[in-house]
Amino acid sequence: MLDRLTGKPVHYYIQLVAMMGIAAGLPFSKIPLSIGMMLLGLNVILLWDWKTVWKNWSSNKWLWLLFAYFAIELLSVWWSANKAEAWDVIRRELTLYAIPLTIVAIPLTAFKHYKWVALSFLAAVFLTSFINVGTYFHWWGSKIYDDIRSLSLFVSHLRYAMMIILAVVFCAAWWIRKFPYRWIAALLAIWFIFYTVLSQIGMGMFTLSGVILMMFWFKVKSIRIRWIKRTFIASFSACVLFVGIFLYVKLQPIPQKVKISIANYGTRSVNGNLYTFDLIDSINWENGYPVQAFVAEGELRNEWSKCSKVNYDTGVDLKGNPIRDILWRYMTSKGLRKDSVDFQKMNKRDIRNVERGFASVEMAKGGISAQIYRMRGQLNDAENPNGKSLLEKIESLKAGITIIKGHPISGVGVGDLKASFAQAYESNHSKLTIENQHLTHNQFLTTWIAGGMFCFIAFISLWIAQFTTALKINAFEWTGFLVITLLSYLIEDTLQTQTGVTFVAFFFAFFITGRKILYPKD
């Protein structure tokens, strides 16, 4: 309509602006996403060329696969006991279908415009990550962090981790395609990888590992000389093997470095004060050293009061934990006894780490070291899964498998997910508290549980078809997006949040409409 009135491609440029707005808004908040989606929908309506719109829709096989999945999921409303919840779930998922419909209706036709959308996304991810890091290190502001996961100030740390890794993929593509100013792409990629390590988000490290393997695959395919290809494969395999062995060794329980016996009870510090001990069987261990042993609390209280304003007996760290407990654990992790002599070996940074809530010197190191420490602690202390993300996911997975065993064909219906999981946790006698009882943390299984086996088949077919096509035509960026998305499906219910579903829907539409323009030679 506006094209006919003005004689210019107004709707096309509205589409471009809306897509750039969504791409730039993804790392910020839900508000620009909602505005961008409304603009996309309004643009299609104002175009008022339903013949062309229908032609674009009907000729796109990816939309047919998407709506085959939607049709089966919609059918599961019929056998859901809670119809109100079922329709609410369908309503929340409409973004997954609305965005591809509106973008396919008026597709971008110029390579430079797809590049503008990608650059908008890159710029927004860099800006938000820079703000996050600057705030965390107090380059500006005075925000107090009680958890490294609070590093992401704008959107969920899990969804943001996916965006960071997709930004790495776009930077790699910038370099591979030999666009101008490739040094900017290299610096951005280094920054995003640094952010991923700093943030300590498992999703980021997991998807980054997948993207690195993908890059290796593309590199191997491009090598024509056989001996170079074999050398490259052997070298890469050796690196993977080394990392695997390193992680295996690091995740093993740390042996006790101090032997506690009855003879230790009754010993005294250098100052002549009696050490206190828990019962041998009740002592916890930190980094191979005993926590509730060799404690001269009077000396420790006195020394702590000289160095910190936080009260030893009643004070808490920035995470809300009793400062006394954190101090004991931190000193223990360094192999120190809890007395005045060993307290002198604590420097100002150690004191600050205790006040910030780091219970171990390993956690204070941050990055990969802290991730390994946290994972090792969870794997070797599985009695209580609450507050331990890895163990919570395992419990959720068990609950999901229990539900599938009871409803393998039809599922429980999209409206009965929450009720079914509550029942499964109870029947499994799970130790998870109610607030920690979530869905299965696996989008594939959640889809099966909700819509049944055929819904699961339709869903997985949509993504496998894309993945095989992207690999076949050497679609680097598209493959990167699919690797990130599919890996996220393995450990999270990605499509259960607005940011997650918008991220998936937008870039799904971005690549299915831009396939022939982004990869014209394939």
Protein backbone atom coordinates (compact mmCIF):
# COMPACT_ATOMS: atom_id res chain seq x y z
CA MET A 1 0.00 0.00 0.00
CA LEU A 2 2.67 2.50 1.00
CA ASP A 3 4.79 1.42 -1.97
CA ARG A 4 1.96 2.28 -4.35
CA LEU A 5 1.33 5.62 -2.66
CA THR A 6 4.95 6.74 -2.67
CA GLY A 7 6.39 4.84 -5.62
CA LYS A 8 9.28 3.70 -3.40
CA PRO A 9 10.00 0.41 -1.55
CA VAL A 10 8.81 1.79 1.79
CA HIS A 11 7.73 -1.60 3.17
CA TYR A 12 11.10 -3.14 2.38
CA TYR A 13 12.94 -0.49 4.38
CA ILE A 14 10.46 -0.71 7.23
CA GLN A 15 11.22 -4.43 7.28
CA LEU A 16 14.95 -3.73 7.36
CA VAL A 17 14.61 -1.22 10.21
CA ALA A 18 12.42 -3.62 12.21
CA MET A 19 14.90 -6.47 11.77
CA MET A 20 17.84 -4.28 12.74
CA GLY A 21 15.84 -3.13 15.77
CA ILE A 22 15.16 -6.68 16.93
CA ALA A 23 18.77 -7.73 16.32
CA ALA A 24 20.03 -4.76 18.35
CA GLY A 25 17.34 -5.20 21.01
CA LEU A 26 17.96 -8.88 21.74
CA PRO A 27 20.85 -8.26 24.20
CA PHE A 28 19.06 -5.36 25.91
CA SER A 29 15.48 -6.08 26.97
CA LYS A 30 12.06 -7.34 25.94
CA ILE A 31 10.76 -3.85 25.12
CA PRO A 32 12.62 -3.29 21.81
CA LEU A 33 11.80 -6.89 20.86
CA SER A 34 8.08 -6.27 21.34
CA ILE A 35 8.26 -3.00 19.38
CA GLY A 36 10.18 -4.67 16.56
CA MET A 37 7.73 -7.57 16.34
CA MET A 38 4.74 -5.22 16.26
CA LEU A 39 6.40 -3.23 13.48
CA LEU A 40 6.99 -6.41 11.47
CA GLY A 41 3.36 -7.45 11.81
CA LEU A 42 2.00 -3.99 11.02
CA ASN A 43 4.25 -3.77 7.97
CA VAL A 44 2.83 -6.99 6.51
CA ILE A 45 -0.73 -5.78 7.11
CA LEU A 46 -0.09 -2.38 5.55
CA LEU A 47 1.56 -4.01 2.56
CA TRP A 48 -1.84 -5.55 1.78
CA ASP A 49 -0.48 -7.77 -0.96
CA TRP A 50 -1.70 -11.14 0.28
CA LYS A 51 -1.07 -12.87 -3.02
CA THR A 52 2.67 -12.15 -2.81
CA VAL A 53 2.73 -12.85 0.92
CA TRP A 54 1.05 -16.24 0.44
CA LYS A 55 3.44 -17.09 -2.38
CA ASN A 56 6.41 -16.37 -0.11
CA TRP A 57 4.91 -18.41 2.70
CA SER A 58 3.85 -21.41 0.65
CA SER A 59 7.16 -21.68 -1.22
CA ASN A 60 9.26 -21.82 1.95
CA LYS A 61 9.69 -25.45 3.04
CA TRP A 62 11.12 -24.44 6.41
CA LEU A 63 7.87 -22.75 7.35
CA TRP A 64 5.99 -25.94 6.49
CA LEU A 65 8.24 -27.93 8.81
CA LEU A 66 7.81 -25.34 11.56
CA PHE A 67 4.04 -25.39 11.30
CA ALA A 68 3.91 -29.19 11.14
CA TYR A 69 5.42 -29.11 14.61
CA PHE A 70 3.03 -26.35 15.68
CA ALA A 71 0.00 -28.28 14.43
CA ILE A 72 0.86 -31.34 16.52
CA GLU A 73 1.60 -29.23 19.58
CA LEU A 74 -1.70 -27.40 19.10
CA LEU A 75 -3.47 -30.76 18.91
CA SER A 76 -2.14 -31.66 22.36
CA VAL A 77 -4.34 -28.92 23.83
CA TRP A 78 -7.24 -31.31 23.24
CA TRP A 79 -5.96 -33.92 25.71
CA SER A 80 -4.61 -31.42 28.24
CA ALA A 81 -6.59 -31.46 31.47
CA ASN A 82 -5.72 -27.81 32.17
CA LYS A 83 -7.02 -26.05 29.06
CA ALA A 84 -6.36 -22.56 30.42
CA GLU A 85 -2.68 -23.33 31.00
CA ALA A 86 -2.47 -25.01 27.57
CA TRP A 87 -3.71 -21.94 25.73
CA ASP A 88 -1.41 -19.74 27.81
CA VAL A 89 1.58 -21.86 26.72
CA ILE A 90 0.50 -21.58 23.06
CA ARG A 91 0.14 -17.81 23.49
CA ARG A 92 3.66 -17.48 24.91
CA GLU A 93 5.08 -19.49 22.00
CA LEU A 94 3.40 -17.43 19.27
CA THR A 95 6.61 -15.45 18.83
CA LEU A 96 8.26 -18.62 17.47
CA TYR A 97 5.79 -18.62 14.57
CA ALA A 98 4.96 -14.92 14.18
CA ILE A 99 8.52 -13.71 13.55
CA PRO A 100 9.30 -16.21 10.75
CA LEU A 101 5.91 -15.51 9.14
CA THR A 102 6.45 -11.75 9.04
CA ILE A 103 10.09 -11.94 7.89
CA VAL A 104 9.39 -14.51 5.17
CA ALA A 105 6.44 -12.41 4.00
CA ILE A 106 8.76 -9.50 3.08
CA PRO A 107 12.26 -10.97 2.78
CA LEU A 108 15.41 -8.89 2.48
CA THR A 109 16.96 -9.19 -0.98
CA ALA A 110 20.35 -7.48 -0.66
CA PHE A 111 23.46 -8.99 0.91
CA LYS A 112 24.45 -5.66 2.44
CA HIS A 113 21.16 -5.49 4.30
CA TYR A 114 21.71 -8.88 5.92
CA LYS A 115 25.14 -7.59 6.86
CA TRP A 116 23.60 -4.51 8.46
CA VAL A 117 21.33 -6.70 10.59
CA ALA A 118 24.29 -8.84 11.69
CA LEU A 119 26.38 -5.74 12.48
CA SER A 120 23.50 -4.30 14.53
CA PHE A 121 23.49 -7.49 16.59
CA LEU A 122 27.28 -7.45 16.97
CA ALA A 123 27.32 -3.82 18.06
CA ALA A 124 24.58 -4.39 20.64
CA VAL A 125 26.26 -7.50 22.07
CA PHE A 126 29.59 -5.67 22.37
CA LEU A 127 27.98 -2.62 24.01
CA THR A 128 26.04 -4.66 26.56
CA SER A 129 29.05 -6.87 27.34
CA PHE A 130 31.24 -3.79 27.83
CA ILE A 131 28.67 -2.27 30.18
CA ASN A 132 28.43 -5.57 32.07
CA VAL A 133 32.19 -5.90 32.52
CA GLY A 134 32.70 -2.23 33.37
CA THR A 135 30.00 -2.38 36.03
CA TYR A 136 31.39 -5.62 37.45
CA PHE A 137 34.92 -4.24 37.79
CA HIS A 138 33.57 -0.89 39.06
CA TRP A 139 34.92 1.15 36.17
CA TRP A 140 31.73 3.04 36.88
CA GLY A 141 28.90 2.69 39.37
CA SER A 142 28.98 0.83 42.68
CA LYS A 143 26.77 -2.20 42.07
CA ILE A 144 27.45 -5.04 44.50
CA TYR A 145 27.45 -8.53 42.99
CA ASP A 146 26.44 -11.54 45.06
CA ASP A 147 26.96 -13.97 42.17
CA ILE A 148 29.01 -13.93 38.96
CA ARG A 149 25.82 -14.84 37.06
CA SER A 150 24.59 -11.32 37.84
CA LEU A 151 27.21 -10.13 35.36
CA SER A 152 24.47 -10.03 32.71
CA LEU A 153 22.56 -6.86 33.62
CA PHE A 154 20.00 -6.78 30.82
CA VAL A 155 18.75 -10.28 29.96
CA SER A 156 19.03 -13.83 31.31
CA HIS A 157 22.66 -14.90 31.66
CA LEU A 158 21.88 -18.16 29.85
CA ARG A 159 20.32 -16.53 26.78
CA TYR A 160 23.01 -13.85 26.79
CA ALA A 161 25.69 -16.55 26.75
CA MET A 162 24.13 -17.87 23.52
CA MET A 163 24.21 -14.39 22.01
CA ILE A 164 27.87 -13.94 22.94
CA ILE A 165 28.83 -17.17 21.17
CA LEU A 166 26.76 -16.28 18.08
CA ALA A 167 28.66 -12.98 18.05
CA VAL A 168 31.88 -15.03 17.98
CA VAL A 169 30.50 -16.89 14.95
CA PHE A 170 29.72 -13.62 13.16
CA CYS A 171 33.24 -12.34 13.94
CA ALA A 172 34.74 -15.52 12.49
CA ALA A 173 32.56 -15.12 9.39
CA TRP A 174 33.72 -11.50 9.09
CA TRP A 175 37.30 -12.78 8.99
CA ILE A 176 36.59 -15.70 6.64
CA ARG A 177 34.64 -13.53 4.18
CA LYS A 178 37.55 -11.04 4.19
CA PHE A 179 35.41 -8.03 4.89
CA PRO A 180 37.27 -4.73 5.51
CA TYR A 181 38.77 -4.05 8.95
CA ARG A 182 39.23 -7.70 9.85
CA TRP A 183 41.33 -6.68 12.84
CA ILE A 184 38.12 -5.39 14.45
CA ALA A 185 36.58 -8.85 14.08
CA ALA A 186 39.63 -10.44 15.71
CA LEU A 187 39.56 -8.03 18.67
CA LEU A 188 35.82 -8.51 19.13
CA ALA A 189 36.16 -12.30 19.07
CA ILE A 190 38.90 -12.15 21.72
CA TRP A 191 36.71 -9.88 23.85
CA PHE A 192 33.68 -12.18 23.57
CA ILE A 193 35.74 -15.26 24.48
CA PHE A 194 37.17 -13.36 27.46
CA TYR A 195 33.63 -12.50 28.51
CA THR A 196 32.57 -16.15 28.23
CA VAL A 197 35.43 -17.27 30.49
CA LEU A 198 34.85 -14.42 32.95
CA SER A 199 31.10 -15.07 33.25
CA GLN A 200 31.61 -18.74 34.24
CA ILE A 201 28.33 -19.70 32.55
CA GLY A 202 28.25 -23.38 31.59
CA MET A 203 25.99 -22.60 28.63
CA GLY A 204 28.64 -20.28 27.19
CA MET A 205 31.51 -22.74 27.55
CA PHE A 206 29.39 -25.62 26.26
CA THR A 207 28.23 -23.81 23.13
CA LEU A 208 31.68 -22.28 22.56
CA SER A 209 33.15 -25.81 22.56
CA GLY A 210 30.58 -26.83 19.96
CA VAL A 211 31.37 -23.83 17.78
CA ILE A 212 35.11 -24.58 17.97
CA LEU A 213 34.44 -28.13 16.77
CA MET A 214 32.30 -26.70 13.96
CA MET A 215 35.11 -24.35 12.92
CA PHE A 216 37.48 -27.32 12.89
CA TRP A 217 35.09 -29.19 10.59
CA PHE A 218 34.92 -26.30 8.13
CA LYS A 219 38.69 -25.87 8.22
CA VAL A 220 39.30 -29.57 7.49
CA LYS A 221 36.88 -29.44 4.55
CA SER A 222 38.80 -26.52 3.05
CA ILE A 223 42.21 -28.27 3.13
CA ARG A 224 43.00 -30.02 -0.17
CA ILE A 225 46.49 -31.39 0.49
CA ARG A 226 46.11 -34.77 2.18
CA TRP A 227 49.15 -34.73 4.47
CA ILE A 228 48.32 -31.24 5.75
CA LYS A 229 44.74 -32.33 6.43
CA ARG A 230 45.91 -35.40 8.34
CA THR A 231 48.40 -33.37 10.37
CA PHE A 232 45.73 -30.81 11.20
CA ILE A 233 43.28 -33.54 12.29
CA ALA A 234 45.94 -35.26 14.41
CA SER A 235 46.94 -32.00 16.10
CA PHE A 236 43.37 -31.02 16.84
CA SER A 237 42.54 -34.51 18.13
CA ALA A 238 45.57 -34.35 20.43
CA CYS A 239 44.32 -31.03 21.82
CA VAL A 240 40.84 -32.46 22.43
CA LEU A 241 42.36 -35.52 24.12
CA PHE A 242 44.53 -33.31 26.33
CA VAL A 243 41.53 -31.21 27.38
CA GLY A 244 39.52 -34.36 28.10
CA ILE A 245 42.28 -35.84 30.26
CA PHE A 246 42.81 -32.49 32.01
CA LEU A 247 39.11 -32.22 32.91
CA TYR A 248 38.95 -35.85 34.02
CA VAL A 249 41.89 -35.37 36.38
CA LYS A 250 40.64 -32.01 37.68
CA LEU A 251 37.15 -33.38 38.42
CA GLN A 252 38.45 -36.22 40.57
CA PRO A 253 37.98 -35.90 44.36
CA ILE A 254 40.92 -34.18 46.04
CA PRO A 255 42.63 -36.58 48.47
CA GLN A 256 42.87 -35.54 52.09
CA LYS A 257 46.19 -33.77 52.65
CA VAL A 258 45.94 -33.83 56.44
CA LYS A 259 45.20 -36.86 58.60
CA ILE A 260 42.92 -36.18 61.56
CA SER A 261 43.16 -38.59 64.49
CA ILE A 262 42.29 -38.67 68.17
CA ALA A 263 45.85 -37.55 68.90
CA ASN A 264 45.08 -34.13 67.32
CA TYR A 265 42.35 -33.41 69.90
CA GLY A 266 43.85 -31.44 72.76
CA THR A 267 46.58 -29.77 70.69
CA ARG A 268 47.19 -26.06 71.05
CA SER A 269 48.15 -23.12 68.84
CA VAL A 270 51.52 -21.37 69.05
CA ASN A 271 49.90 -18.92 71.48
CA GLY A 272 48.89 -21.79 73.75
CA ASN A 273 45.16 -21.69 72.96
CA LEU A 274 43.32 -24.99 72.65
CA TYR A 275 42.27 -25.93 69.11
CA THR A 276 38.65 -27.02 68.62
CA PHE A 277 37.63 -29.91 66.38
CA ASP A 278 34.36 -31.36 65.16
CA LEU A 279 33.86 -35.10 65.42
CA ILE A 280 36.09 -36.80 62.85
CA ASP A 281 33.11 -38.13 60.87
CA SER A 282 31.48 -34.67 60.80
CA ILE A 283 34.41 -32.69 59.44
CA ASN A 284 34.02 -31.17 55.97
CA TRP A 285 37.00 -30.87 53.65
CA GLU A 286 38.04 -28.00 51.43
CA ASN A 287 40.77 -28.46 48.82
CA GLY A 288 42.03 -31.48 50.76
CA TYR A 289 42.18 -29.75 54.16
CA PRO A 290 39.77 -30.08 57.16
CA VAL A 291 37.44 -27.12 57.73
CA GLN A 292 36.20 -27.70 61.31
CA ALA A 293 39.63 -28.58 62.65
CA PHE A 294 42.55 -26.64 64.10
CA VAL A 295 40.32 -23.71 65.01
CA ALA A 296 41.50 -21.18 67.61
CA GLU A 297 38.37 -19.06 67.35
CA GLY A 298 39.34 -16.41 69.88
CA GLU A 299 42.53 -15.65 67.98
CA LEU A 300 40.70 -15.66 64.66
CA ARG A 301 37.98 -13.31 65.91
CA ASN A 302 40.57 -10.86 67.20
CA GLU A 303 42.65 -10.87 64.00
CA TRP A 304 39.60 -10.54 61.75
CA SER A 305 38.34 -7.48 63.64
CA LYS A 306 41.62 -5.72 62.88
CA CYS A 307 41.21 -6.17 59.13
CA SER A 308 37.49 -5.94 58.40
CA LYS A 309 34.45 -3.92 59.42
CA VAL A 310 32.24 -7.01 59.02
CA ASN A 311 31.43 -8.47 62.43
CA TYR A 312 32.99 -11.90 62.88
CA ASP A 313 30.06 -13.41 64.82
CA THR A 314 27.00 -11.77 63.25
CA GLY A 315 28.22 -10.37 59.92
CA VAL A 316 27.52 -11.78 56.47
CA ASP A 317 29.34 -11.65 53.15
CA LEU A 318 27.95 -9.97 50.02
CA LYS A 319 26.04 -13.17 49.22
CA GLY A 320 24.35 -13.26 52.63
CA ASN A 321 26.41 -16.13 54.09
CA PRO A 322 27.80 -15.97 57.65
CA ILE A 323 31.25 -14.40 57.36
CA ARG A 324 32.62 -16.76 60.01
CA ASP A 325 31.84 -19.85 57.91
CA ILE A 326 33.26 -18.34 54.73
CA LEU A 327 36.46 -17.31 56.51
CA TRP A 328 36.97 -20.83 57.86
CA ARG A 329 36.49 -22.39 54.44
CA TYR A 330 38.65 -19.85 52.62
CA MET A 331 41.56 -20.21 55.02
CA THR A 332 41.20 -23.99 54.86
CA SER A 333 41.32 -23.95 51.05
CA LYS A 334 44.74 -22.27 51.33
CA GLY A 335 45.95 -24.98 53.70
CA LEU A 336 45.96 -22.62 56.70
CA ARG A 337 45.00 -23.32 60.28
CA LYS A 338 42.40 -21.03 61.80
CA ASP A 339 44.66 -19.21 64.25
CA SER A 340 46.45 -15.87 64.54
CA VAL A 341 49.74 -17.13 63.09
CA ASP A 342 48.26 -18.45 59.85
CA PHE A 343 45.86 -15.51 59.60
CA GLN A 344 48.90 -13.31 59.05
CA LYS A 345 49.41 -15.18 55.76
CA MET A 346 46.12 -13.70 54.49
CA ASN A 347 46.68 -10.55 52.39
CA LYS A 348 44.24 -7.70 51.65
CA ARG A 349 42.95 -9.46 48.55
CA ASP A 350 42.17 -12.57 50.59
CA ILE A 351 40.22 -10.49 53.11
CA ARG A 352 38.27 -8.87 50.29
CA ASN A 353 37.57 -12.27 48.73
CA VAL A 354 36.09 -13.51 52.00
CA GLU A 355 33.91 -10.40 52.30
CA ARG A 356 32.69 -10.97 48.72
CA GLY A 357 31.67 -14.52 49.59
CA PHE A 358 34.38 -16.64 47.98
CA ALA A 359 34.57 -19.78 50.10
CA SER A 360 37.67 -21.05 48.34
CA VAL A 361 40.78 -19.60 46.79
CA GLU A 362 39.81 -21.56 43.66
CA MET A 363 36.50 -19.70 43.37
CA ALA A 364 38.31 -16.39 43.78
CA LYS A 365 40.43 -17.16 40.72
CA GLY A 366 37.28 -17.01 38.57
CA GLY A 367 37.01 -18.24 34.98
CA ILE A 368 37.56 -21.89 34.09
CA SER A 369 39.26 -22.65 37.42
CA ALA A 370 36.12 -21.61 39.34
CA GLN A 371 33.88 -23.58 36.95
CA ILE A 372 35.90 -26.75 37.47
CA TYR A 373 35.95 -26.22 41.23
CA ARG A 374 32.19 -25.76 41.32
CA MET A 375 31.51 -28.80 39.14
CA ARG A 376 33.90 -31.01 41.12
CA GLY A 377 32.22 -29.97 44.35
CA GLN A 378 28.80 -30.87 42.98
CA LEU A 379 29.87 -34.24 41.58
CA ASN A 380 31.57 -35.24 44.82
CA ASP A 381 28.82 -34.01 47.15
CA ALA A 382 25.60 -35.29 45.59
CA GLU A 383 23.68 -35.89 48.81
CA ASN A 384 21.71 -32.63 48.56
CA PRO A 385 21.08 -31.38 44.97
CA ASN A 386 19.52 -28.05 45.99
CA GLY A 387 21.52 -25.01 44.93
CA LYS A 388 23.77 -27.11 42.69
CA SER A 389 22.83 -26.45 39.08
CA LEU A 390 24.34 -29.64 37.64
CA LEU A 391 22.64 -31.90 40.19
CA GLU A 392 19.36 -30.00 39.83
CA LYS A 393 19.46 -30.62 36.07
CA ILE A 394 20.05 -34.33 36.66
CA GLU A 395 17.05 -34.50 39.00
CA SER A 396 14.92 -32.65 36.43
CA LEU A 397 16.07 -35.05 33.72
CA LYS A 398 15.06 -38.02 35.86
CA ALA A 399 11.62 -36.50 36.38
CA GLY A 400 11.23 -35.92 32.64
CA ILE A 401 12.17 -39.51 31.81
CA THR A 402 9.65 -40.73 34.39
CA ILE A 403 6.88 -38.78 32.65
CA ILE A 404 7.86 -40.04 29.18
CA LYS A 405 7.76 -43.64 30.42
CA GLY A 406 4.18 -43.06 31.55
CA HIS A 407 3.05 -41.19 28.40
CA PRO A 408 5.40 -42.21 25.55
CA ILE A 409 3.02 -41.69 22.60
CA SER A 410 0.69 -38.78 23.33
CA GLY A 411 2.61 -36.94 26.05
CA VAL A 412 0.71 -35.17 28.79
CA GLY A 413 -0.44 -32.16 26.76
CA VAL A 414 1.05 -28.67 26.81
CA GLY A 415 -1.28 -27.60 29.61
CA ASP A 416 -0.24 -30.29 32.08
CA LEU A 417 3.54 -29.87 32.09
CA LYS A 418 3.82 -28.30 35.53
CA ALA A 419 1.38 -30.69 37.18
CA SER A 420 3.06 -33.71 35.62
CA PHE A 421 6.50 -32.64 36.78
CA ALA A 422 5.26 -31.98 40.31
CA GLN A 423 3.85 -35.51 40.38
CA ALA A 424 7.04 -37.00 38.89
CA TYR A 425 9.27 -35.30 41.48
CA GLU A 426 7.04 -36.69 44.21
CA SER A 427 7.01 -40.22 42.81
CA ASN A 428 10.81 -40.13 42.39
CA HIS A 429 11.16 -38.99 46.03
CA SER A 430 13.36 -36.16 44.80
CA LYS A 431 15.21 -34.13 47.41
CA LEU A 432 14.70 -30.94 45.38
CA THR A 433 12.69 -28.29 47.17
CA ILE A 434 9.56 -27.03 45.40
CA GLU A 435 11.22 -23.80 44.27
CA ASN A 436 13.95 -25.83 42.54
CA GLN A 437 11.57 -28.22 40.78
CA HIS A 438 11.62 -27.06 37.16
CA LEU A 439 10.97 -28.60 33.78
CA THR A 440 13.43 -31.11 32.39
CA HIS A 441 16.12 -28.58 31.29
CA ASN A 442 16.09 -30.30 27.90
CA GLN A 443 13.98 -28.75 25.14
CA PHE A 444 13.83 -32.01 23.18
CA LEU A 445 12.42 -33.98 26.12
CA THR A 446 10.11 -31.14 27.15
CA THR A 447 8.69 -31.16 23.62
CA TRP A 448 8.13 -34.94 23.81
CA ILE A 449 6.51 -34.68 27.25
CA ALA A 450 4.16 -31.90 26.12
CA GLY A 451 3.10 -33.06 22.65
CA GLY A 452 4.09 -36.70 22.47
CA MET A 453 6.38 -38.74 20.28
CA PHE A 454 5.14 -37.38 16.95
CA CYS A 455 5.52 -33.78 18.15
CA PHE A 456 9.09 -34.64 19.16
CA ILE A 457 9.77 -36.18 15.72
CA ALA A 458 8.39 -33.09 13.94
CA PHE A 459 10.44 -30.79 16.16
CA ILE A 460 13.73 -32.62 15.77
CA SER A 461 13.15 -33.05 12.02
CA LEU A 462 12.93 -29.28 11.63
CA TRP A 463 16.37 -28.80 13.15
CA ILE A 464 18.09 -31.82 11.64
CA ALA A 465 16.90 -30.80 8.17
CA GLN A 466 18.38 -27.34 8.66
CA PHE A 467 21.63 -28.69 10.05
CA THR A 468 22.22 -31.13 7.18
CA THR A 469 21.35 -28.45 4.62
CA ALA A 470 23.64 -25.87 6.24
CA LEU A 471 26.55 -28.32 6.26
CA LYS A 472 25.87 -29.35 2.68
CA ILE A 473 26.01 -25.79 1.35
CA ASN A 474 28.90 -24.73 3.66
CA ALA A 475 26.71 -22.16 5.40
CA PHE A 476 29.14 -21.15 8.15
CA GLU A 477 27.00 -18.64 10.07
CA TRP A 478 23.82 -20.71 9.75
CA THR A 479 25.62 -23.82 11.01
CA GLY A 480 27.03 -21.83 13.93
CA PHE A 481 23.57 -20.65 14.93
CA LEU A 482 22.23 -24.21 14.70
CA VAL A 483 25.09 -25.62 16.80
CA ILE A 484 24.42 -23.03 19.51
CA THR A 485 20.67 -23.63 19.43
CA LEU A 486 20.82 -27.43 19.41
CA LEU A 487 23.38 -27.56 22.22
CA SER A 488 21.23 -25.18 24.26
CA TYR A 489 18.28 -27.53 23.74
CA LEU A 490 20.30 -30.31 25.39
CA ILE A 491 20.76 -28.48 28.70
CA GLU A 492 17.96 -25.88 28.82
CA ASP A 493 14.29 -25.31 27.98
CA THR A 494 15.34 -22.55 25.59
CA LEU A 495 11.87 -21.93 24.17
CA GLN A 496 10.24 -21.39 27.56
CA THR A 497 11.34 -17.74 27.85
CA GLN A 498 10.52 -14.77 25.62
CA THR A 499 14.16 -13.85 25.06
CA GLY A 500 15.06 -17.44 24.20
CA VAL A 501 12.17 -17.97 21.81
CA THR A 502 12.75 -14.56 20.15
CA PHE A 503 16.46 -15.30 19.66
CA VAL A 504 15.69 -18.67 18.04
CA ALA A 505 12.77 -17.43 15.94
CA PHE A 506 14.58 -14.35 14.66
CA PHE A 507 17.77 -16.02 13.52
CA PHE A 508 15.85 -19.02 12.20
CA ALA A 509 13.95 -16.60 9.96
CA PHE A 510 17.12 -14.61 9.21
CA PHE A 511 18.88 -17.65 7.76
CA ILE A 512 15.98 -19.38 5.99
CA THR A 513 15.17 -16.16 4.09
CA GLY A 514 18.80 -15.23 3.46
CA ARG A 515 20.10 -18.65 2.44
CA LYS A 516 20.46 -17.99 -1.30
CA ILE A 517 21.77 -14.46 -0.76
CA LEU A 518 24.26 -15.29 1.98
CA TYR A 519 25.48 -18.46 0.24
CA PRO A 520 24.92 -17.86 -3.51
CA LYS A 521 27.69 -20.21 -4.74
CA ASP A 522 26.39 -23.24 -2.86
